[in-house]
């Protein structure tokens, strides 16, 4: 059995491709919304990475408070796994 190809674009000049299926205004709006959210997430992630790198470089990333929280969470999860929560 041979694989069937699905036509996504009309034939023609590669610089002038038009979607085979016409999108509704609601679909276009949703697409724009998702692209915008993706850009915002990328920006937030970049800012977070830069902040954490600066904290690591300055020696302020690790703290007793963060260690205490991590240990408490680990103990809590361990107890939950044992059924002693």
Protein backbone atom coordinates (compact mmCIF):
# COMPACT_ATOMS: atom_id res chain seq x y z
CA UNK A 1 0.00 0.00 0.00
CA UNK A 2 1.42 3.40 -0.92
CA UNK A 3 1.31 6.40 1.36
CA UNK A 4 -1.10 9.15 0.38
CA UNK A 5 0.19 12.70 0.39
CA UNK A 6 -2.00 15.46 1.76
CA UNK A 7 -2.00 18.67 -0.23
CA UNK A 8 -1.29 21.58 2.09
CA UNK A 9 -0.58 24.31 -0.45
CA UNK A 10 -1.75 25.13 -3.94
CA UNK A 11 0.78 24.52 -6.65
CA UNK A 12 2.54 27.54 -7.99
CA UNK A 13 5.43 29.85 -7.29
CA UNK A 14 6.97 28.94 -3.92
CA UNK A 15 7.01 32.64 -2.94
CA UNK A 16 3.29 32.92 -3.59
CA UNK A 17 1.94 29.93 -1.67
CA UNK A 18 -1.56 30.16 -0.33
CA UNK A 19 -3.02 27.79 2.25
CA UNK A 20 -5.07 25.04 0.65
CA UNK A 21 -7.72 25.31 3.35
CA UNK A 22 -9.16 28.74 4.00
CA UNK A 23 -9.16 29.68 7.66
CA UNK A 24 -12.10 31.28 9.39
CA UNK A 25 -11.57 34.62 11.14
CA UNK A 26 -11.87 32.78 14.49
CA UNK A 27 -9.10 30.36 13.46
CA UNK A 28 -6.90 33.27 12.38
CA UNK A 29 -7.54 35.03 15.69
CA UNK A 30 -6.65 31.89 17.63
CA UNK A 31 -3.46 31.48 15.58
CA UNK A 32 -2.42 35.06 16.34
CA UNK A 33 -3.16 34.55 20.02
CA UNK A 34 -1.05 31.39 20.19
CA UNK A 35 1.86 33.04 18.33
CA UNK A 36 1.70 35.99 20.74
CA UNK A 37 1.74 33.70 23.80
CA UNK A 38 4.69 31.79 22.39
CA UNK A 39 6.65 35.03 21.95
CA UNK A 40 5.77 36.16 25.49
CA UNK A 41 6.88 32.82 26.98
CA UNK A 42 10.17 33.01 25.10
CA UNK A 43 10.75 36.53 26.44
CA UNK A 44 9.90 35.54 30.04
CA UNK A 45 12.13 32.47 29.83
CA UNK A 46 15.03 34.53 28.50
CA UNK A 47 14.63 37.04 31.34
CA UNK A 48 14.44 34.23 33.91
CA UNK A 49 17.58 32.54 32.57
CA UNK A 50 19.46 35.86 32.59
CA UNK A 51 18.36 36.58 36.19
CA UNK A 52 19.36 33.15 37.43
CA UNK A 53 22.72 33.33 35.66
CA UNK A 54 23.38 36.69 37.33
CA UNK A 55 22.42 35.24 40.74
CA UNK A 56 24.75 32.27 40.21
CA UNK A 57 27.60 34.55 39.11
CA UNK A 58 27.16 36.77 42.17
CA UNK A 59 26.87 33.80 44.54
CA UNK A 60 23.30 34.65 45.55
CA UNK A 61 21.45 31.80 43.84
CA UNK A 62 21.87 29.16 46.52
CA UNK A 63 20.47 30.11 49.91
CA UNK A 64 19.65 28.35 53.16
CA UNK A 65 15.97 29.15 52.58
CA UNK A 66 15.93 27.45 49.16
CA UNK A 67 17.76 24.43 50.58
CA UNK A 68 15.29 24.18 53.48
CA UNK A 69 12.34 24.28 51.05
CA UNK A 70 13.89 21.60 48.86
CA UNK A 71 14.60 19.31 51.83
CA UNK A 72 11.07 19.81 53.21
CA UNK A 73 9.55 18.99 49.82
CA UNK A 74 11.75 15.91 49.45
CA UNK A 75 10.76 14.63 52.92
CA UNK A 76 7.09 15.33 52.21
CA UNK A 77 7.22 13.41 48.93
CA UNK A 78 9.12 10.55 50.60
CA UNK A 79 6.47 10.30 53.32
CA UNK A 80 3.69 10.40 50.72
CA UNK A 81 5.37 7.52 48.84
CA UNK A 82 5.46 5.53 52.08
CA UNK A 83 1.83 6.36 52.83
CA UNK A 84 2.68 8.31 56.01
CA UNK A 85 1.41 11.69 54.90
